[in-house]
Amino acid sequence: MGMPRWESDAQGRLERAALELFEAQGFQRTTVAEIARTAGLTERSFYRYFPDKREVLFAGNELEAHLAARVEAADPGLTPIEVLLTALGTADEVFHSREFLLRRVRVIAASPALAERDLIKLADIADALAQALEHRGVEPGKARFIIDVAIAVSRRATSRWLADPDATLSELVALTAAELRESVAPLAPTVG
């Protein structure tokens, strides 16, 4: 099933073609040539946008750049966890459509090479966030710890968002963060 040639968004066409082929025949069996052909482009065009077929589902460092910029620009009065959760709650501003993301999640889960790339990508995002927090004066070890917590909250919020189109991502991040606080809050002292 080809893509319309008139569509100018070459990168988007390549991403959709790759997803379609990975679903139909698996990541291993899909070639760059097929992805390009399905998108109505040449192999050379493919390599202008992506270094290899794995990268098609990890569109550059758009999310990383978006999140780091949000952290850098955040109000100095906010705590590090507030800064991160606010930034992560805006991730949907750079996400693909929900349908694309749901399909992408399944394709990644089915391929060890893509699952490994997904983990590396997440580590890159964590590195960028750590740098941004350190610029705000957060000690490196503490920055890492807070980022791990915020990413865990974000992952749960994102899977809820994918399952429930009615809530916004930022609402679900706030809800999940509240759940976390509830689960780690100390027990109320008993009145003696």
N, C-alpha and C. Protein backbone atom coordinates (compact mmCIF):
# COMPACT_ATOMS: atom_id res chain seq x y z
N MET A 1 0.84 -1.19 0.00
CA MET A 1 0.00 0.00 0.00
C MET A 1 0.88 1.25 0.00
N GLY A 2 0.92 1.96 -1.11
CA GLY A 2 1.81 3.12 -1.21
C GLY A 2 1.25 4.35 -0.52
N MET A 3 2.12 5.35 -0.43
CA MET A 3 1.71 6.62 0.17
C MET A 3 1.50 7.60 -0.99
N PRO A 4 0.62 8.56 -0.82
CA PRO A 4 0.45 9.56 -1.90
C PRO A 4 1.75 10.34 -2.12
N ARG A 5 2.12 10.48 -3.37
CA ARG A 5 3.39 11.14 -3.71
C ARG A 5 3.36 12.64 -3.48
N TRP A 6 2.17 13.23 -3.57
CA TRP A 6 2.08 14.69 -3.49
C TRP A 6 2.37 15.22 -2.10
N GLU A 7 2.30 14.36 -1.12
CA GLU A 7 2.48 14.80 0.27
C GLU A 7 3.93 15.26 0.46
N SER A 8 4.11 16.48 0.96
CA SER A 8 5.47 17.03 0.99
C SER A 8 6.29 16.55 2.19
N ASP A 9 5.60 16.06 3.22
CA ASP A 9 6.28 15.69 4.46
C ASP A 9 7.02 14.36 4.30
N ALA A 10 8.21 14.41 3.70
CA ALA A 10 8.96 13.19 3.40
C ALA A 10 9.27 12.38 4.66
N GLN A 11 9.68 13.06 5.72
CA GLN A 11 10.02 12.34 6.94
C GLN A 11 8.80 11.59 7.49
N GLY A 12 7.67 12.25 7.51
CA GLY A 12 6.43 11.63 7.99
C GLY A 12 6.04 10.44 7.13
N ARG A 13 6.20 10.59 5.82
CA ARG A 13 5.87 9.48 4.91
C ARG A 13 6.77 8.28 5.17
N LEU A 14 8.05 8.53 5.40
CA LEU A 14 8.98 7.43 5.69
C LEU A 14 8.62 6.75 7.01
N GLU A 15 8.26 7.53 8.00
CA GLU A 15 7.88 6.96 9.30
C GLU A 15 6.65 6.08 9.17
N ARG A 16 5.65 6.57 8.44
CA ARG A 16 4.42 5.79 8.29
C ARG A 16 4.65 4.55 7.44
N ALA A 17 5.46 4.68 6.39
CA ALA A 17 5.76 3.52 5.53
C ALA A 17 6.50 2.44 6.33
N ALA A 18 7.47 2.86 7.13
CA ALA A 18 8.25 1.92 7.93
C ALA A 18 7.35 1.19 8.92
N LEU A 19 6.49 1.94 9.59
CA LEU A 19 5.59 1.34 10.58
C LEU A 19 4.70 0.29 9.92
N GLU A 20 4.16 0.65 8.76
CA GLU A 20 3.29 -0.25 8.00
C GLU A 20 4.03 -1.55 7.63
N LEU A 21 5.26 -1.41 7.15
CA LEU A 21 6.04 -2.59 6.74
C LEU A 21 6.50 -3.41 7.94
N PHE A 22 6.93 -2.74 9.01
CA PHE A 22 7.35 -3.49 10.21
C PHE A 22 6.18 -4.31 10.75
N GLU A 23 4.96 -3.73 10.70
CA GLU A 23 3.77 -4.46 11.16
C GLU A 23 3.47 -5.64 10.26
N ALA A 24 3.57 -5.41 8.95
CA ALA A 24 3.18 -6.44 7.99
C ALA A 24 4.16 -7.60 7.93
N GLN A 25 5.47 -7.32 8.00
CA GLN A 25 6.43 -8.40 7.76
C GLN A 25 7.55 -8.47 8.78
N GLY A 26 7.48 -7.62 9.80
CA GLY A 26 8.51 -7.64 10.84
C GLY A 26 9.68 -6.72 10.51
N PHE A 27 10.34 -6.24 11.56
CA PHE A 27 11.46 -5.32 11.42
C PHE A 27 12.63 -5.96 10.65
N GLN A 28 12.99 -7.19 11.03
CA GLN A 28 14.15 -7.87 10.42
C GLN A 28 14.02 -7.97 8.91
N ARG A 29 12.82 -8.34 8.43
CA ARG A 29 12.65 -8.60 7.00
C ARG A 29 12.45 -7.36 6.15
N THR A 30 12.29 -6.21 6.80
CA THR A 30 12.04 -4.97 6.05
C THR A 30 13.37 -4.30 5.68
N THR A 31 13.49 -3.87 4.43
CA THR A 31 14.72 -3.18 4.01
C THR A 31 14.47 -1.67 3.85
N VAL A 32 15.55 -0.92 3.88
CA VAL A 32 15.47 0.53 3.64
C VAL A 32 14.87 0.79 2.26
N ALA A 33 15.28 -0.02 1.27
CA ALA A 33 14.77 0.14 -0.10
C ALA A 33 13.24 0.03 -0.13
N GLU A 34 12.70 -0.94 0.60
CA GLU A 34 11.23 -1.12 0.63
C GLU A 34 10.55 0.07 1.31
N ILE A 35 11.15 0.53 2.39
CA ILE A 35 10.56 1.67 3.11
C ILE A 35 10.49 2.88 2.18
N ALA A 36 11.60 3.15 1.52
CA ALA A 36 11.67 4.29 0.60
C ALA A 36 10.64 4.15 -0.52
N ARG A 37 10.58 2.93 -1.11
CA ARG A 37 9.67 2.68 -2.23
C ARG A 37 8.22 2.89 -1.77
N THR A 38 7.87 2.36 -0.62
CA THR A 38 6.50 2.49 -0.11
C THR A 38 6.15 3.96 0.14
N ALA A 39 7.14 4.75 0.53
CA ALA A 39 6.91 6.17 0.78
C ALA A 39 6.96 7.00 -0.51
N GLY A 40 7.28 6.32 -1.62
CA GLY A 40 7.38 7.04 -2.89
C GLY A 40 8.63 7.89 -2.98
N LEU A 41 9.71 7.44 -2.30
CA LEU A 41 10.97 8.19 -2.29
C LEU A 41 12.13 7.27 -2.67
N THR A 42 13.30 7.87 -2.86
CA THR A 42 14.49 7.08 -3.18
C THR A 42 15.20 6.68 -1.88
N GLU A 43 16.07 5.67 -1.99
CA GLU A 43 16.89 5.29 -0.83
C GLU A 43 17.75 6.45 -0.38
N ARG A 44 18.25 7.22 -1.35
CA ARG A 44 19.08 8.36 -0.98
C ARG A 44 18.29 9.35 -0.12
N SER A 45 17.02 9.56 -0.47
CA SER A 45 16.17 10.44 0.34
C SER A 45 16.03 9.90 1.75
N PHE A 46 15.88 8.58 1.85
CA PHE A 46 15.76 7.96 3.18
C PHE A 46 16.94 8.36 4.05
N TYR A 47 18.14 8.21 3.49
CA TYR A 47 19.36 8.47 4.28
C TYR A 47 19.58 9.95 4.58
N ARG A 48 18.85 10.81 3.88
CA ARG A 48 18.91 12.23 4.24
C ARG A 48 18.25 12.47 5.59
N TYR A 49 17.25 11.63 5.92
CA TYR A 49 16.49 11.82 7.16
C TYR A 49 16.91 10.89 8.29
N PHE A 50 17.35 9.69 7.94
CA PHE A 50 17.63 8.68 8.97
C PHE A 50 18.90 7.91 8.65
N PRO A 51 19.74 7.64 9.68
CA PRO A 51 20.97 6.87 9.43
C PRO A 51 20.71 5.39 9.12
N ASP A 52 19.63 4.82 9.66
CA ASP A 52 19.33 3.40 9.39
C ASP A 52 17.86 3.14 9.65
N LYS A 53 17.40 1.92 9.35
CA LYS A 53 15.96 1.63 9.43
C LYS A 53 15.44 1.67 10.87
N ARG A 54 16.30 1.42 11.84
CA ARG A 54 15.89 1.45 13.24
C ARG A 54 15.43 2.84 13.65
N GLU A 55 16.17 3.83 13.12
CA GLU A 55 15.94 5.22 13.55
C GLU A 55 14.61 5.81 13.09
N VAL A 56 13.97 5.16 12.11
CA VAL A 56 12.73 5.74 11.57
C VAL A 56 11.67 5.89 12.66
N LEU A 57 11.68 4.99 13.64
CA LEU A 57 10.67 5.07 14.68
C LEU A 57 11.12 5.92 15.87
N PHE A 58 12.30 6.52 15.76
CA PHE A 58 12.84 7.33 16.87
C PHE A 58 13.19 8.72 16.36
N ALA A 59 12.21 9.34 15.74
CA ALA A 59 12.39 10.61 15.04
C ALA A 59 13.34 11.59 15.73
N GLY A 60 14.57 11.52 15.37
CA GLY A 60 15.56 12.49 15.83
C GLY A 60 15.56 12.66 17.34
N ASN A 61 15.93 13.85 17.81
CA ASN A 61 15.95 14.09 19.25
C ASN A 61 14.95 15.18 19.60
N GLU A 62 13.85 15.19 18.86
CA GLU A 62 12.81 16.21 19.04
C GLU A 62 12.30 16.24 20.47
N LEU A 63 11.94 15.06 21.00
CA LEU A 63 11.38 14.99 22.36
C LEU A 63 12.42 15.44 23.38
N GLU A 64 13.63 14.93 23.21
CA GLU A 64 14.74 15.28 24.11
C GLU A 64 14.95 16.80 24.15
N ALA A 65 15.00 17.42 22.96
CA ALA A 65 15.22 18.87 22.87
C ALA A 65 14.05 19.65 23.50
N HIS A 66 12.84 19.18 23.23
CA HIS A 66 11.63 19.82 23.78
C HIS A 66 11.65 19.80 25.31
N LEU A 67 11.91 18.61 25.88
CA LEU A 67 11.88 18.46 27.34
C LEU A 67 12.99 19.27 28.00
N ALA A 68 14.21 19.20 27.44
CA ALA A 68 15.34 19.94 28.02
C ALA A 68 15.05 21.45 28.00
N ALA A 69 14.48 21.93 26.89
CA ALA A 69 14.15 23.36 26.79
C ALA A 69 13.11 23.76 27.84
N ARG A 70 12.12 22.90 28.05
CA ARG A 70 11.10 23.17 29.06
C ARG A 70 11.70 23.25 30.46
N VAL A 71 12.64 22.36 30.75
CA VAL A 71 13.29 22.36 32.07
C VAL A 71 14.13 23.63 32.23
N GLU A 72 14.89 23.96 31.20
CA GLU A 72 15.74 25.16 31.25
C GLU A 72 14.90 26.42 31.48
N ALA A 73 13.70 26.46 30.88
CA ALA A 73 12.89 27.68 30.91
C ALA A 73 11.94 27.74 32.11
N ALA A 74 11.92 26.68 32.92
CA ALA A 74 10.92 26.61 34.00
C ALA A 74 11.16 27.67 35.07
N ASP A 75 10.09 28.04 35.73
CA ASP A 75 10.10 29.01 36.83
C ASP A 75 11.12 28.59 37.90
N PRO A 76 12.02 29.49 38.29
CA PRO A 76 13.06 29.15 39.28
C PRO A 76 12.47 28.77 40.65
N GLY A 77 11.23 29.16 40.91
CA GLY A 77 10.61 28.83 42.19
C GLY A 77 10.12 27.39 42.32
N LEU A 78 10.06 26.69 41.21
CA LEU A 78 9.55 25.31 41.25
C LEU A 78 10.61 24.34 41.76
N THR A 79 10.17 23.27 42.43
CA THR A 79 11.09 22.22 42.87
C THR A 79 11.50 21.40 41.64
N PRO A 80 12.65 20.70 41.70
CA PRO A 80 13.08 19.89 40.55
C PRO A 80 12.02 18.89 40.05
N ILE A 81 11.31 18.23 40.98
CA ILE A 81 10.31 17.26 40.53
C ILE A 81 9.13 17.97 39.85
N GLU A 82 8.74 19.15 40.34
CA GLU A 82 7.67 19.91 39.70
C GLU A 82 8.08 20.32 38.29
N VAL A 83 9.34 20.76 38.17
CA VAL A 83 9.87 21.18 36.86
C VAL A 83 9.79 20.01 35.87
N LEU A 84 10.25 18.85 36.29
CA LEU A 84 10.27 17.68 35.40
C LEU A 84 8.87 17.22 35.03
N LEU A 85 8.00 17.14 36.02
CA LEU A 85 6.65 16.64 35.74
C LEU A 85 5.89 17.61 34.84
N THR A 86 6.11 18.91 35.03
CA THR A 86 5.46 19.90 34.16
C THR A 86 5.97 19.73 32.72
N ALA A 87 7.29 19.57 32.57
CA ALA A 87 7.87 19.36 31.24
C ALA A 87 7.34 18.08 30.60
N LEU A 88 7.37 16.98 31.35
CA LEU A 88 6.93 15.68 30.82
C LEU A 88 5.44 15.70 30.45
N GLY A 89 4.67 16.51 31.16
CA GLY A 89 3.24 16.63 30.85
C GLY A 89 2.96 17.32 29.52
N THR A 90 4.00 17.95 28.94
CA THR A 90 3.83 18.61 27.64
C THR A 90 4.39 17.76 26.49
N ALA A 91 4.81 16.53 26.77
CA ALA A 91 5.42 15.69 25.73
C ALA A 91 4.50 15.48 24.53
N ASP A 92 3.18 15.50 24.78
CA ASP A 92 2.25 15.26 23.67
C ASP A 92 2.30 16.37 22.62
N GLU A 93 2.94 17.51 22.96
CA GLU A 93 3.10 18.58 21.96
C GLU A 93 4.00 18.14 20.82
N VAL A 94 4.90 17.17 21.07
CA VAL A 94 5.78 16.69 19.99
C VAL A 94 5.50 15.24 19.59
N PHE A 95 4.52 14.62 20.25
CA PHE A 95 4.18 13.24 19.90
C PHE A 95 3.47 13.16 18.56
N HIS A 96 3.53 11.98 17.96
CA HIS A 96 2.68 11.63 16.81
C HIS A 96 1.24 11.45 17.31
N SER A 97 0.36 11.09 16.38
CA SER A 97 -1.02 10.79 16.77
C SER A 97 -1.03 9.59 17.71
N ARG A 98 -2.07 9.50 18.50
CA ARG A 98 -2.22 8.39 19.45
C ARG A 98 -2.20 7.04 18.71
N GLU A 99 -2.90 6.99 17.56
CA GLU A 99 -2.95 5.73 16.80
C GLU A 99 -1.55 5.30 16.37
N PHE A 100 -0.76 6.25 15.87
CA PHE A 100 0.61 5.96 15.45
C PHE A 100 1.42 5.44 16.64
N LEU A 101 1.27 6.09 17.79
CA LEU A 101 2.03 5.70 18.98
C LEU A 101 1.66 4.30 19.47
N LEU A 102 0.37 3.98 19.45
CA LEU A 102 -0.07 2.65 19.88
C LEU A 102 0.53 1.58 18.97
N ARG A 103 0.51 1.84 17.66
CA ARG A 103 1.07 0.88 16.70
C ARG A 103 2.58 0.77 16.92
N ARG A 104 3.22 1.90 17.14
CA ARG A 104 4.67 1.95 17.34
C ARG A 104 5.08 1.14 18.58
N VAL A 105 4.31 1.29 19.66
CA VAL A 105 4.59 0.54 20.89
C VAL A 105 4.60 -0.96 20.62
N ARG A 106 3.61 -1.43 19.85
CA ARG A 106 3.52 -2.87 19.53
C ARG A 106 4.68 -3.34 18.67
N VAL A 107 5.04 -2.53 17.68
CA VAL A 107 6.14 -2.89 16.78
C VAL A 107 7.47 -2.95 17.56
N ILE A 108 7.69 -1.98 18.45
CA ILE A 108 8.92 -1.95 19.24
C ILE A 108 8.99 -3.16 20.17
N ALA A 109 7.85 -3.48 20.80
CA ALA A 109 7.82 -4.62 21.73
C ALA A 109 8.13 -5.94 21.01
N ALA A 110 7.81 -6.02 19.73
CA ALA A 110 8.01 -7.26 18.97
C ALA A 110 9.44 -7.42 18.44
N SER A 111 10.27 -6.40 18.56
CA SER A 111 11.62 -6.47 18.00
C SER A 111 12.69 -6.12 19.03
N PRO A 112 13.57 -7.09 19.36
CA PRO A 112 14.65 -6.81 20.32
C PRO A 112 15.53 -5.63 19.90
N ALA A 113 15.82 -5.49 18.60
CA ALA A 113 16.67 -4.39 18.14
C ALA A 113 16.00 -3.03 18.40
N LEU A 114 14.68 -2.97 18.20
CA LEU A 114 13.96 -1.72 18.43
C LEU A 114 13.78 -1.47 19.93
N ALA A 115 13.53 -2.54 20.68
CA ALA A 115 13.37 -2.39 22.13
C ALA A 115 14.67 -1.86 22.75
N GLU A 116 15.80 -2.36 22.26
CA GLU A 116 17.10 -1.89 22.75
C GLU A 116 17.30 -0.41 22.41
N ARG A 117 16.93 -0.04 21.19
CA ARG A 117 17.06 1.36 20.76
C ARG A 117 16.19 2.27 21.63
N ASP A 118 15.01 1.77 21.99
CA ASP A 118 14.08 2.53 22.82
C ASP A 118 14.71 2.85 24.18
N LEU A 119 15.40 1.87 24.76
CA LEU A 119 16.06 2.06 26.05
C LEU A 119 17.21 3.07 25.94
N ILE A 120 17.97 2.99 24.85
CA ILE A 120 19.08 3.93 24.63
C ILE A 120 18.52 5.34 24.49
N LYS A 121 17.41 5.46 23.77
CA LYS A 121 16.77 6.76 23.56
C LYS A 121 16.33 7.35 24.90
N LEU A 122 15.75 6.50 25.73
CA LEU A 122 15.31 6.95 27.05
C LEU A 122 16.51 7.41 27.89
N ALA A 123 17.61 6.69 27.79
CA ALA A 123 18.83 7.08 28.52
C ALA A 123 19.35 8.42 28.03
N ASP A 124 19.27 8.66 26.71
CA ASP A 124 19.69 9.95 26.14
C ASP A 124 18.82 11.08 26.69
N ILE A 125 17.51 10.83 26.78
CA ILE A 125 16.60 11.84 27.31
C ILE A 125 16.94 12.12 28.77
N ALA A 126 17.21 11.06 29.55
CA ALA A 126 17.57 11.22 30.96
C ALA A 126 18.85 12.05 31.09
N ASP A 127 19.84 11.80 30.22
CA ASP A 127 21.09 12.57 30.23
C ASP A 127 20.83 14.06 29.99
N ALA A 128 19.99 14.34 28.98
CA ALA A 128 19.68 15.73 28.64
C ALA A 128 18.96 16.42 29.80
N LEU A 129 18.05 15.69 30.44
CA LEU A 129 17.31 16.26 31.58
C LEU A 129 18.24 16.48 32.77
N ALA A 130 19.19 15.57 32.98
CA ALA A 130 20.13 15.70 34.08
C ALA A 130 20.97 16.97 33.91
N GLN A 131 21.43 17.18 32.68
CA GLN A 131 22.20 18.40 32.40
C GLN A 131 21.38 19.65 32.67
N ALA A 132 20.12 19.62 32.21
CA ALA A 132 19.25 20.78 32.40
C ALA A 132 19.00 21.05 33.89
N LEU A 133 18.84 19.99 34.68
CA LEU A 133 18.64 20.17 36.13
C LEU A 133 19.91 20.67 36.81
N GLU A 134 21.05 20.15 36.37
CA GLU A 134 22.33 20.60 36.95
C GLU A 134 22.54 22.09 36.68
N HIS A 135 22.11 22.56 35.50
CA HIS A 135 22.18 23.99 35.21
C HIS A 135 21.35 24.80 36.20
N ARG A 136 20.32 24.17 36.75
CA ARG A 136 19.47 24.85 37.74
C ARG A 136 20.05 24.70 39.14
N GLY A 137 21.23 24.07 39.24
CA GLY A 137 21.88 23.97 40.54
C GLY A 137 21.57 22.71 41.33
N VAL A 138 20.94 21.72 40.68
CA VAL A 138 20.65 20.47 41.38
C VAL A 138 21.90 19.59 41.35
N GLU A 139 22.24 19.02 42.48
CA GLU A 139 23.42 18.15 42.58
C GLU A 139 23.20 16.92 41.68
N PRO A 140 24.26 16.48 40.91
CA PRO A 140 24.10 15.43 39.90
C PRO A 140 23.43 14.14 40.38
N GLY A 141 23.85 13.61 41.53
CA GLY A 141 23.25 12.37 42.03
C GLY A 141 21.77 12.54 42.32
N LYS A 142 21.43 13.67 42.91
CA LYS A 142 20.04 13.96 43.23
C LYS A 142 19.24 14.15 41.94
N ALA A 143 19.85 14.84 40.96
CA ALA A 143 19.18 15.07 39.67
C ALA A 143 18.80 13.73 39.04
N ARG A 144 19.74 12.78 39.02
CA ARG A 144 19.49 11.45 38.45
C ARG A 144 18.34 10.74 39.13
N PHE A 145 18.34 10.80 40.45
CA PHE A 145 17.30 10.12 41.24
C PHE A 145 15.92 10.70 40.91
N ILE A 146 15.84 12.03 40.90
CA ILE A 146 14.56 12.70 40.63
C ILE A 146 14.08 12.39 39.21
N ILE A 147 15.02 12.33 38.27
CA ILE A 147 14.67 12.02 36.88
C ILE A 147 14.12 10.60 36.76
N ASP A 148 14.76 9.65 37.43
CA ASP A 148 14.25 8.27 37.41
C ASP A 148 12.80 8.21 37.89
N VAL A 149 12.53 8.93 38.97
CA VAL A 149 11.18 8.96 39.53
C VAL A 149 10.21 9.61 38.54
N ALA A 150 10.61 10.76 38.00
CA ALA A 150 9.73 11.49 37.08
C ALA A 150 9.45 10.68 35.81
N ILE A 151 10.46 9.97 35.31
CA ILE A 151 10.27 9.15 34.10
C ILE A 151 9.32 7.98 34.39
N ALA A 152 9.43 7.41 35.58
CA ALA A 152 8.51 6.33 35.96
C ALA A 152 7.06 6.85 35.98
N VAL A 153 6.87 8.03 36.55
CA VAL A 153 5.54 8.65 36.59
C VAL A 153 5.05 8.89 35.15
N SER A 154 5.94 9.43 34.33
CA SER A 154 5.60 9.76 32.96
C SER A 154 5.22 8.53 32.13
N ARG A 155 5.95 7.43 32.34
CA ARG A 155 5.65 6.19 31.59
C ARG A 155 4.26 5.68 31.93
N ARG A 156 3.93 5.69 33.21
CA ARG A 156 2.59 5.23 33.62
C ARG A 156 1.52 6.18 33.10
N ALA A 157 1.78 7.46 33.18
CA ALA A 157 0.81 8.45 32.67
C ALA A 157 0.63 8.30 31.16
N THR A 158 1.73 8.05 30.44
CA THR A 158 1.65 7.92 28.98
C THR A 158 0.87 6.67 28.58
N SER A 159 1.09 5.55 29.28
CA SER A 159 0.32 4.36 28.90
C SER A 159 -1.17 4.55 29.23
N ARG A 160 -1.47 5.29 30.30
CA ARG A 160 -2.88 5.60 30.58
C ARG A 160 -3.45 6.50 29.49
N TRP A 161 -2.65 7.48 29.07
CA TRP A 161 -3.10 8.43 28.03
C TRP A 161 -3.38 7.69 26.72
N LEU A 162 -2.52 6.71 26.39
CA LEU A 162 -2.73 5.95 25.16
C LEU A 162 -4.01 5.11 25.26
N ALA A 163 -4.33 4.66 26.47
CA ALA A 163 -5.51 3.82 26.65
C ALA A 163 -6.79 4.64 26.81
N ASP A 164 -6.66 5.91 27.25
CA ASP A 164 -7.83 6.72 27.54
C ASP A 164 -7.76 8.09 26.88
N PRO A 165 -8.33 8.20 25.68
CA PRO A 165 -8.24 9.44 24.91
C PRO A 165 -8.91 10.64 25.57
N ASP A 166 -9.70 10.42 26.61
CA ASP A 166 -10.47 11.53 27.17
C ASP A 166 -9.67 12.47 28.07
N ALA A 167 -8.62 11.96 28.69
CA ALA A 167 -7.83 12.81 29.59
C ALA A 167 -6.63 13.37 28.84
N THR A 168 -6.15 14.54 29.26
CA THR A 168 -4.94 15.08 28.64
C THR A 168 -3.73 14.43 29.32
N LEU A 169 -2.61 14.44 28.63
CA LEU A 169 -1.39 13.86 29.21
C LEU A 169 -1.01 14.59 30.50
N SER A 170 -1.10 15.94 30.50
CA SER A 170 -0.69 16.67 31.70
C SER A 170 -1.60 16.35 32.90
N GLU A 171 -2.89 16.13 32.66
CA GLU A 171 -3.80 15.71 33.74
C GLU A 171 -3.37 14.36 34.30
N LEU A 172 -3.02 13.45 33.41
CA LEU A 172 -2.65 12.10 33.84
C LEU A 172 -1.30 12.09 34.56
N VAL A 173 -0.38 12.96 34.15
CA VAL A 173 0.89 13.09 34.87
C VAL A 173 0.61 13.58 36.30
N ALA A 174 -0.26 14.57 36.43
CA ALA A 174 -0.59 15.10 37.76
C ALA A 174 -1.26 14.03 38.63
N LEU A 175 -2.18 13.29 38.02
CA LEU A 175 -2.89 12.22 38.72
C LEU A 175 -1.92 11.13 39.20
N THR A 176 -1.02 10.73 38.31
CA THR A 176 -0.05 9.68 38.63
C THR A 176 0.92 10.16 39.71
N ALA A 177 1.32 11.42 39.65
CA ALA A 177 2.21 11.99 40.66
C ALA A 177 1.52 12.00 42.03
N ALA A 178 0.22 12.29 42.03
CA ALA A 178 -0.54 12.29 43.29
C ALA A 178 -0.59 10.88 43.87
N GLU A 179 -0.76 9.91 42.99
CA GLU A 179 -0.76 8.49 43.41
C GLU A 179 0.57 8.10 44.04
N LEU A 180 1.64 8.59 43.41
CA LEU A 180 2.98 8.30 43.94
C LEU A 180 3.14 8.89 45.34
N ARG A 181 2.75 10.16 45.48
CA ARG A 181 2.88 10.82 46.80
C ARG A 181 2.10 10.05 47.85
N GLU A 182 0.91 9.60 47.49
CA GLU A 182 0.07 8.84 48.41
C GLU A 182 0.75 7.53 48.81
N SER A 183 1.39 6.89 47.83
CA SER A 183 1.98 5.58 48.14
C SER A 183 3.28 5.68 48.92
N VAL A 184 3.96 6.81 48.85
CA VAL A 184 5.23 6.94 49.62
C VAL A 184 5.10 7.83 50.85
N ALA A 185 3.90 8.42 51.04
CA ALA A 185 3.73 9.32 52.19
C ALA A 185 3.84 8.52 53.49
N PRO A 186 4.45 9.12 54.51
CA PRO A 186 4.52 8.42 55.79
C PRO A 186 3.11 8.24 56.37
N LEU A 187 2.92 7.21 57.14
CA LEU A 187 1.63 6.99 57.78
C LEU A 187 1.38 8.12 58.78
N ALA A 188 0.13 8.52 58.88
CA ALA A 188 -0.20 9.58 59.85
C ALA A 188 0.10 9.05 61.25
N PRO A 189 0.72 9.89 62.10
CA PRO A 189 1.02 9.42 63.47
C PRO A 189 -0.28 9.12 64.21
N THR A 190 -0.26 8.04 64.99
CA THR A 190 -1.46 7.72 65.75
C THR A 190 -1.52 8.64 66.96
N VAL A 191 -2.70 9.09 67.28
CA VAL A 191 -2.87 10.00 68.41
C VAL A 191 -2.80 9.17 69.70
N GLY A 192 -1.79 9.47 70.55
CA GLY A 192 -1.59 8.67 71.76
C GLY A 192 -2.48 9.13 72.89
